[in-house]
Amino acid sequence: MQALTAEQYARLQQLARAWEHRHLRAAKAEARYNPRLGVDALCFQPHALGEGREVLLGALITPLSLSLALVPLQDEPPAAPEALRRVSLPSGVYPFRPLVLEGQPRLWVCELLDDLSDVGSLQEGSRLAQRLMERVMTPPP
């Protein structure tokens, strides 16, 4: 595994804070909202897509869901909200949709778990994200 730079860590934390700023108020009104969880960008690693494009790939956990997330390393033009980017990973092909966060570079997400109401703590959420990334990055037997 390649370590992220301090700048990349800071960028991921900015994305998490931008999600809170944009979505947290509405999230609190949803029945599946889990007050024991925060928003965090976890287990990110550099990943090469086709045509030499580089992204950071990891997990975005929120009080509502756990998603795979792609953060392009180069700026790219805004995508239409209904755009879909299919990405091949060792465990299969995943559909990513753009998630717009004010003042932040492009972020693509693929929601895998849409209800985390039974996750008991931040630490349990982090372990869940780690297991998710291990499975996603491991080819099927």
N, C-alpha and C. Protein backbone atom coordinates (compact mmCIF):
# COMPACT_ATOMS: atom_id res chain seq x y z
N MET A 1 0.83 -1.18 0.00
CA MET A 1 0.00 0.00 0.00
C MET A 1 0.88 1.24 0.00
N GLN A 2 0.47 2.19 -0.82
CA GLN A 2 1.21 3.44 -0.92
C GLN A 2 0.60 4.46 0.04
N ALA A 3 1.45 5.11 0.81
CA ALA A 3 0.97 6.10 1.77
C ALA A 3 0.54 7.37 1.04
N LEU A 4 -0.49 8.01 1.57
CA LEU A 4 -0.95 9.27 1.01
C LEU A 4 -0.07 10.40 1.51
N THR A 5 -0.06 11.47 0.75
CA THR A 5 0.68 12.66 1.16
C THR A 5 -0.17 13.44 2.16
N ALA A 6 0.47 14.34 2.87
CA ALA A 6 -0.25 15.21 3.81
C ALA A 6 -1.31 16.02 3.07
N GLU A 7 -0.99 16.46 1.87
CA GLU A 7 -1.95 17.23 1.06
C GLU A 7 -3.16 16.37 0.69
N GLN A 8 -2.93 15.11 0.35
CA GLN A 8 -4.04 14.22 0.01
C GLN A 8 -4.92 13.95 1.23
N TYR A 9 -4.31 13.73 2.39
CA TYR A 9 -5.10 13.56 3.62
C TYR A 9 -5.94 14.80 3.90
N ALA A 10 -5.35 15.97 3.73
CA ALA A 10 -6.08 17.21 3.97
C ALA A 10 -7.24 17.36 3.00
N ARG A 11 -7.02 16.99 1.76
CA ARG A 11 -8.09 17.05 0.75
C ARG A 11 -9.25 16.14 1.13
N LEU A 12 -8.95 14.94 1.59
CA LEU A 12 -10.01 14.01 2.00
C LEU A 12 -10.78 14.53 3.20
N GLN A 13 -10.08 15.14 4.14
CA GLN A 13 -10.77 15.71 5.30
C GLN A 13 -11.64 16.89 4.89
N GLN A 14 -11.18 17.68 3.93
CA GLN A 14 -12.00 18.77 3.41
C GLN A 14 -13.27 18.24 2.77
N LEU A 15 -13.16 17.14 2.04
CA LEU A 15 -14.34 16.54 1.42
C LEU A 15 -15.34 16.08 2.49
N ALA A 16 -14.83 15.47 3.56
CA ALA A 16 -15.71 15.01 4.64
C ALA A 16 -16.41 16.21 5.29
N ARG A 17 -15.67 17.28 5.56
CA ARG A 17 -16.30 18.47 6.15
C ARG A 17 -17.31 19.11 5.20
N ALA A 18 -17.00 19.09 3.90
CA ALA A 18 -17.93 19.65 2.92
C ALA A 18 -19.22 18.82 2.87
N TRP A 19 -19.12 17.49 3.03
CA TRP A 19 -20.32 16.65 3.08
C TRP A 19 -21.16 17.06 4.29
N GLU A 20 -20.51 17.22 5.43
CA GLU A 20 -21.25 17.65 6.63
C GLU A 20 -21.96 18.97 6.39
N HIS A 21 -21.25 19.92 5.83
CA HIS A 21 -21.81 21.25 5.59
C HIS A 21 -23.02 21.18 4.67
N ARG A 22 -22.94 20.34 3.63
CA ARG A 22 -23.99 20.27 2.61
C ARG A 22 -25.14 19.35 2.99
N HIS A 23 -24.88 18.24 3.70
CA HIS A 23 -25.88 17.20 3.86
C HIS A 23 -26.30 16.88 5.30
N LEU A 24 -25.56 17.31 6.30
CA LEU A 24 -25.81 16.83 7.67
C LEU A 24 -27.18 17.24 8.20
N ARG A 25 -27.59 18.45 7.96
CA ARG A 25 -28.89 18.90 8.47
C ARG A 25 -30.02 18.01 7.93
N ALA A 26 -30.01 17.73 6.64
CA ALA A 26 -31.04 16.87 6.04
C ALA A 26 -30.90 15.43 6.53
N ALA A 27 -29.66 14.98 6.73
CA ALA A 27 -29.44 13.60 7.19
C ALA A 27 -30.07 13.37 8.55
N LYS A 28 -29.99 14.38 9.42
CA LYS A 28 -30.54 14.23 10.78
C LYS A 28 -32.05 14.02 10.78
N ALA A 29 -32.72 14.40 9.72
CA ALA A 29 -34.17 14.23 9.63
C ALA A 29 -34.57 12.84 9.13
N GLU A 30 -33.60 12.05 8.68
CA GLU A 30 -33.92 10.72 8.13
C GLU A 30 -33.97 9.68 9.24
N ALA A 31 -34.89 8.73 9.10
CA ALA A 31 -35.07 7.67 10.10
C ALA A 31 -33.81 6.82 10.26
N ARG A 32 -33.05 6.66 9.20
CA ARG A 32 -31.85 5.80 9.26
C ARG A 32 -30.62 6.54 9.79
N TYR A 33 -30.75 7.80 10.17
CA TYR A 33 -29.63 8.59 10.70
C TYR A 33 -29.07 7.93 11.96
N ASN A 34 -27.75 7.79 12.01
CA ASN A 34 -27.07 7.19 13.15
C ASN A 34 -26.23 8.27 13.85
N PRO A 35 -26.68 8.76 15.01
CA PRO A 35 -25.95 9.83 15.69
C PRO A 35 -24.59 9.39 16.25
N ARG A 36 -24.33 8.09 16.28
CA ARG A 36 -23.04 7.59 16.78
C ARG A 36 -21.93 7.68 15.73
N LEU A 37 -22.31 7.99 14.48
CA LEU A 37 -21.34 8.06 13.40
C LEU A 37 -21.11 9.50 12.97
N GLY A 38 -19.92 9.74 12.48
CA GLY A 38 -19.60 11.02 11.88
C GLY A 38 -19.37 10.81 10.40
N VAL A 39 -18.75 11.78 9.77
CA VAL A 39 -18.40 11.68 8.36
C VAL A 39 -16.89 11.55 8.28
N ASP A 40 -16.43 10.54 7.56
CA ASP A 40 -14.99 10.34 7.45
C ASP A 40 -14.66 9.68 6.12
N ALA A 41 -13.50 10.02 5.61
CA ALA A 41 -12.93 9.41 4.40
C ALA A 41 -11.86 8.44 4.89
N LEU A 42 -12.08 7.15 4.66
CA LEU A 42 -11.23 6.11 5.25
C LEU A 42 -10.61 5.20 4.19
N CYS A 43 -9.45 4.66 4.51
CA CYS A 43 -8.80 3.60 3.73
C CYS A 43 -8.50 4.01 2.29
N PHE A 44 -8.21 5.27 2.05
CA PHE A 44 -7.94 5.72 0.69
C PHE A 44 -6.54 5.36 0.25
N GLN A 45 -6.44 4.97 -1.02
CA GLN A 45 -5.18 4.63 -1.65
C GLN A 45 -5.19 5.15 -3.08
N PRO A 46 -4.02 5.48 -3.62
CA PRO A 46 -3.97 5.82 -5.04
C PRO A 46 -4.39 4.62 -5.88
N HIS A 47 -5.10 4.90 -6.96
CA HIS A 47 -5.60 3.83 -7.84
C HIS A 47 -5.57 4.36 -9.27
N ALA A 48 -5.13 3.54 -10.20
CA ALA A 48 -5.08 3.92 -11.61
C ALA A 48 -6.33 3.43 -12.33
N LEU A 49 -7.01 4.35 -13.00
CA LEU A 49 -8.11 4.00 -13.88
C LEU A 49 -7.56 3.87 -15.29
N GLY A 50 -8.40 3.53 -16.23
CA GLY A 50 -7.97 3.44 -17.62
C GLY A 50 -7.47 4.78 -18.13
N GLU A 51 -6.76 4.75 -19.24
CA GLU A 51 -6.21 5.94 -19.90
C GLU A 51 -5.27 6.73 -19.01
N GLY A 52 -4.64 6.08 -18.04
CA GLY A 52 -3.65 6.74 -17.20
C GLY A 52 -4.20 7.71 -16.19
N ARG A 53 -5.51 7.71 -15.96
CA ARG A 53 -6.09 8.61 -14.97
C ARG A 53 -5.87 8.04 -13.58
N GLU A 54 -5.44 8.92 -12.68
CA GLU A 54 -5.18 8.54 -11.30
C GLU A 54 -6.26 9.11 -10.39
N VAL A 55 -6.67 8.30 -9.43
CA VAL A 55 -7.66 8.73 -8.44
C VAL A 55 -7.21 8.25 -7.07
N LEU A 56 -7.86 8.77 -6.04
CA LEU A 56 -7.77 8.19 -4.72
C LEU A 56 -9.05 7.38 -4.55
N LEU A 57 -8.93 6.15 -4.11
CA LEU A 57 -10.06 5.25 -3.93
C LEU A 57 -10.13 4.84 -2.47
N GLY A 58 -11.32 4.93 -1.89
CA GLY A 58 -11.49 4.55 -0.50
C GLY A 58 -12.95 4.49 -0.13
N ALA A 59 -13.21 4.63 1.16
CA ALA A 59 -14.57 4.55 1.68
C ALA A 59 -14.97 5.89 2.29
N LEU A 60 -16.21 6.28 2.03
CA LEU A 60 -16.79 7.46 2.66
C LEU A 60 -17.91 6.96 3.56
N ILE A 61 -17.73 7.19 4.85
CA ILE A 61 -18.76 6.79 5.81
C ILE A 61 -19.44 8.06 6.31
N THR A 62 -20.77 7.97 6.39
CA THR A 62 -21.57 9.08 6.89
C THR A 62 -22.56 8.49 7.91
N PRO A 63 -23.31 9.32 8.61
CA PRO A 63 -24.31 8.78 9.53
C PRO A 63 -25.46 8.06 8.82
N LEU A 64 -25.44 8.07 7.48
CA LEU A 64 -26.49 7.42 6.70
C LEU A 64 -26.01 6.20 5.93
N SER A 65 -24.77 6.23 5.44
CA SER A 65 -24.36 5.20 4.49
C SER A 65 -22.85 4.99 4.47
N LEU A 66 -22.47 3.91 3.80
CA LEU A 66 -21.06 3.61 3.54
C LEU A 66 -20.93 3.43 2.04
N SER A 67 -20.05 4.21 1.44
CA SER A 67 -19.88 4.21 -0.01
C SER A 67 -18.43 4.05 -0.39
N LEU A 68 -18.20 3.45 -1.56
CA LEU A 68 -16.91 3.56 -2.20
C LEU A 68 -16.83 4.98 -2.72
N ALA A 69 -15.65 5.56 -2.72
CA ALA A 69 -15.49 6.92 -3.21
C ALA A 69 -14.24 7.04 -4.06
N LEU A 70 -14.36 7.79 -5.15
CA LEU A 70 -13.25 8.11 -6.04
C LEU A 70 -13.03 9.61 -6.01
N VAL A 71 -11.80 10.01 -5.80
CA VAL A 71 -11.43 11.42 -5.84
C VAL A 71 -10.37 11.57 -6.92
N PRO A 72 -10.73 12.17 -8.08
CA PRO A 72 -9.73 12.37 -9.13
C PRO A 72 -8.57 13.23 -8.64
N LEU A 73 -7.36 12.89 -9.05
CA LEU A 73 -6.19 13.67 -8.66
C LEU A 73 -6.01 14.90 -9.54
N GLN A 74 -6.55 14.86 -10.76
CA GLN A 74 -6.52 16.02 -11.63
C GLN A 74 -7.94 16.59 -11.69
N ASP A 75 -8.01 17.91 -11.84
CA ASP A 75 -9.32 18.54 -12.00
C ASP A 75 -9.97 18.00 -13.26
N GLU A 76 -11.27 17.84 -13.20
CA GLU A 76 -12.02 17.41 -14.37
C GLU A 76 -13.28 18.24 -14.45
N PRO A 77 -13.85 18.33 -15.63
CA PRO A 77 -15.06 19.15 -15.77
C PRO A 77 -16.21 18.56 -14.96
N PRO A 78 -17.14 19.40 -14.55
CA PRO A 78 -18.29 18.89 -13.79
C PRO A 78 -19.08 17.87 -14.60
N ALA A 79 -19.56 16.86 -13.92
CA ALA A 79 -20.38 15.83 -14.56
C ALA A 79 -21.84 16.12 -14.29
N ALA A 80 -22.69 15.71 -15.20
CA ALA A 80 -24.13 15.85 -14.99
C ALA A 80 -24.53 15.00 -13.80
N PRO A 81 -25.52 15.45 -13.01
CA PRO A 81 -25.93 14.68 -11.82
C PRO A 81 -26.33 13.24 -12.13
N GLU A 82 -26.82 12.99 -13.33
CA GLU A 82 -27.24 11.63 -13.68
C GLU A 82 -26.11 10.81 -14.33
N ALA A 83 -24.92 11.38 -14.42
CA ALA A 83 -23.79 10.68 -15.03
C ALA A 83 -23.46 9.41 -14.25
N LEU A 84 -22.90 8.47 -14.94
CA LEU A 84 -22.51 7.20 -14.34
C LEU A 84 -21.12 6.84 -14.83
N ARG A 85 -20.25 6.46 -13.92
CA ARG A 85 -18.89 6.04 -14.26
C ARG A 85 -18.74 4.62 -13.73
N ARG A 86 -18.55 3.67 -14.63
CA ARG A 86 -18.35 2.27 -14.22
C ARG A 86 -16.86 2.03 -14.05
N VAL A 87 -16.50 1.50 -12.88
CA VAL A 87 -15.09 1.31 -12.56
C VAL A 87 -14.86 -0.16 -12.23
N SER A 88 -13.89 -0.76 -12.91
CA SER A 88 -13.51 -2.14 -12.64
C SER A 88 -12.52 -2.18 -11.49
N LEU A 89 -12.88 -2.94 -10.47
CA LEU A 89 -12.01 -3.17 -9.32
C LEU A 89 -11.82 -4.68 -9.21
N PRO A 90 -10.89 -5.15 -8.41
CA PRO A 90 -10.62 -6.59 -8.37
C PRO A 90 -11.85 -7.46 -8.10
N SER A 91 -12.82 -6.97 -7.34
CA SER A 91 -13.98 -7.79 -7.00
C SER A 91 -15.15 -7.63 -7.98
N GLY A 92 -15.05 -6.72 -8.94
CA GLY A 92 -16.13 -6.54 -9.90
C GLY A 92 -16.17 -5.12 -10.44
N VAL A 93 -17.28 -4.81 -11.11
CA VAL A 93 -17.48 -3.48 -11.70
C VAL A 93 -18.50 -2.74 -10.84
N TYR A 94 -18.17 -1.50 -10.50
CA TYR A 94 -18.99 -0.70 -9.61
C TYR A 94 -19.45 0.58 -10.30
N PRO A 95 -20.74 0.94 -10.14
CA PRO A 95 -21.24 2.19 -10.74
C PRO A 95 -21.08 3.37 -9.78
N PHE A 96 -20.37 4.37 -10.21
CA PHE A 96 -20.14 5.57 -9.41
C PHE A 96 -20.94 6.73 -10.00
N ARG A 97 -21.51 7.53 -9.12
CA ARG A 97 -22.24 8.74 -9.51
C ARG A 97 -21.54 9.95 -8.90
N PRO A 98 -21.63 11.10 -9.57
CA PRO A 98 -20.98 12.30 -9.02
C PRO A 98 -21.72 12.79 -7.77
N LEU A 99 -20.96 13.29 -6.83
CA LEU A 99 -21.50 13.92 -5.64
C LEU A 99 -20.89 15.31 -5.58
N VAL A 100 -21.73 16.31 -5.71
CA VAL A 100 -21.25 17.69 -5.74
C VAL A 100 -21.22 18.24 -4.32
N LEU A 101 -20.08 18.77 -3.96
CA LEU A 101 -19.89 19.43 -2.66
C LEU A 101 -19.32 20.81 -2.94
N GLU A 102 -19.97 21.83 -2.41
CA GLU A 102 -19.56 23.20 -2.70
C GLU A 102 -18.08 23.43 -2.41
N GLY A 103 -17.45 24.07 -3.37
CA GLY A 103 -16.06 24.48 -3.17
C GLY A 103 -15.06 23.35 -3.16
N GLN A 104 -15.47 22.15 -3.58
CA GLN A 104 -14.57 21.00 -3.53
C GLN A 104 -14.41 20.40 -4.93
N PRO A 105 -13.28 19.73 -5.13
CA PRO A 105 -13.09 19.04 -6.41
C PRO A 105 -14.12 17.92 -6.56
N ARG A 106 -14.19 17.39 -7.72
CA ARG A 106 -15.14 16.33 -8.06
C ARG A 106 -14.97 15.12 -7.13
N LEU A 107 -16.09 14.53 -6.78
CA LEU A 107 -16.12 13.33 -5.95
C LEU A 107 -17.15 12.38 -6.57
N TRP A 108 -16.79 11.12 -6.72
CA TRP A 108 -17.69 10.10 -7.25
C TRP A 108 -17.93 9.06 -6.16
N VAL A 109 -19.18 8.63 -5.98
CA VAL A 109 -19.50 7.66 -4.94
C VAL A 109 -20.34 6.51 -5.49
N CYS A 110 -20.16 5.37 -4.87
CA CYS A 110 -20.95 4.17 -5.15
C CYS A 110 -21.43 3.67 -3.79
N GLU A 111 -22.69 3.96 -3.48
CA GLU A 111 -23.24 3.58 -2.17
C GLU A 111 -23.39 2.06 -2.10
N LEU A 112 -22.79 1.47 -1.07
CA LEU A 112 -22.86 0.01 -0.90
C LEU A 112 -23.76 -0.38 0.26
N LEU A 113 -23.77 0.40 1.31
CA LEU A 113 -24.67 0.15 2.45
C LEU A 113 -25.45 1.43 2.71
N ASP A 114 -26.77 1.34 2.63
CA ASP A 114 -27.58 2.56 2.77
C ASP A 114 -28.27 2.68 4.12
N ASP A 115 -27.90 1.84 5.06
CA ASP A 115 -28.47 1.94 6.41
C ASP A 115 -27.43 1.47 7.41
N LEU A 116 -26.88 2.40 8.16
CA LEU A 116 -25.87 2.07 9.18
C LEU A 116 -26.43 2.30 10.57
N SER A 117 -27.75 2.26 10.71
CA SER A 117 -28.38 2.59 11.99
C SER A 117 -27.99 1.63 13.11
N ASP A 118 -27.54 0.42 12.76
CA ASP A 118 -27.16 -0.55 13.79
C ASP A 118 -25.66 -0.54 14.12
N VAL A 119 -24.87 0.34 13.49
CA VAL A 119 -23.44 0.45 13.79
C VAL A 119 -23.31 1.21 15.11
N GLY A 120 -22.61 0.60 16.08
CA GLY A 120 -22.61 1.10 17.44
C GLY A 120 -21.63 2.20 17.79
N SER A 121 -20.60 2.43 16.96
CA SER A 121 -19.60 3.44 17.33
C SER A 121 -18.78 3.84 16.11
N LEU A 122 -18.02 4.92 16.28
CA LEU A 122 -17.10 5.35 15.22
C LEU A 122 -16.09 4.25 14.89
N GLN A 123 -15.60 3.58 15.93
CA GLN A 123 -14.61 2.52 15.73
C GLN A 123 -15.21 1.36 14.94
N GLU A 124 -16.44 0.99 15.25
CA GLU A 124 -17.10 -0.08 14.52
C GLU A 124 -17.31 0.33 13.06
N GLY A 125 -17.66 1.58 12.83
CA GLY A 125 -17.80 2.09 11.47
C GLY A 125 -16.48 2.04 10.71
N SER A 126 -15.38 2.37 11.37
CA SER A 126 -14.06 2.31 10.75
C SER A 126 -13.69 0.87 10.39
N ARG A 127 -13.98 -0.07 11.28
CA ARG A 127 -13.70 -1.49 10.99
C ARG A 127 -14.54 -1.97 9.80
N LEU A 128 -15.79 -1.54 9.75
CA LEU A 128 -16.66 -1.90 8.64
C LEU A 128 -16.09 -1.37 7.33
N ALA A 129 -15.62 -0.14 7.31
CA ALA A 129 -15.02 0.44 6.11
C ALA A 129 -13.76 -0.33 5.71
N GLN A 130 -12.95 -0.73 6.67
CA GLN A 130 -11.75 -1.51 6.36
C GLN A 130 -12.10 -2.85 5.73
N ARG A 131 -13.09 -3.53 6.30
CA ARG A 131 -13.53 -4.83 5.73
C ARG A 131 -14.09 -4.63 4.33
N LEU A 132 -14.86 -3.58 4.14
CA LEU A 132 -15.41 -3.28 2.82
C LEU A 132 -14.28 -3.13 1.80
N MET A 133 -13.27 -2.33 2.12
CA MET A 133 -12.18 -2.10 1.18
C MET A 133 -11.39 -3.37 0.92
N GLU A 134 -11.19 -4.20 1.94
CA GLU A 134 -10.50 -5.48 1.73
C GLU A 134 -11.26 -6.34 0.73
N ARG A 135 -12.58 -6.40 0.88
CA ARG A 135 -13.40 -7.23 -0.03
C ARG A 135 -13.42 -6.67 -1.44
N VAL A 136 -13.56 -5.36 -1.55
CA VAL A 136 -13.61 -4.73 -2.87
C VAL A 136 -12.31 -4.93 -3.61
N MET A 137 -11.20 -4.89 -2.92
CA MET A 137 -9.89 -4.96 -3.57
C MET A 137 -9.35 -6.38 -3.65
N THR A 138 -10.17 -7.39 -3.33
CA THR A 138 -9.77 -8.79 -3.42
C THR A 138 -10.58 -9.47 -4.52
N PRO A 139 -9.92 -10.10 -5.48
CA PRO A 139 -10.67 -10.80 -6.54
C PRO A 139 -11.47 -11.96 -5.94
N PRO A 140 -12.62 -12.28 -6.55
CA PRO A 140 -13.38 -13.43 -6.07
C PRO A 140 -12.58 -14.72 -6.24
N PRO A 141 -12.85 -15.72 -5.39
CA PRO A 141 -12.10 -16.98 -5.49
C PRO A 141 -12.36 -17.72 -6.78
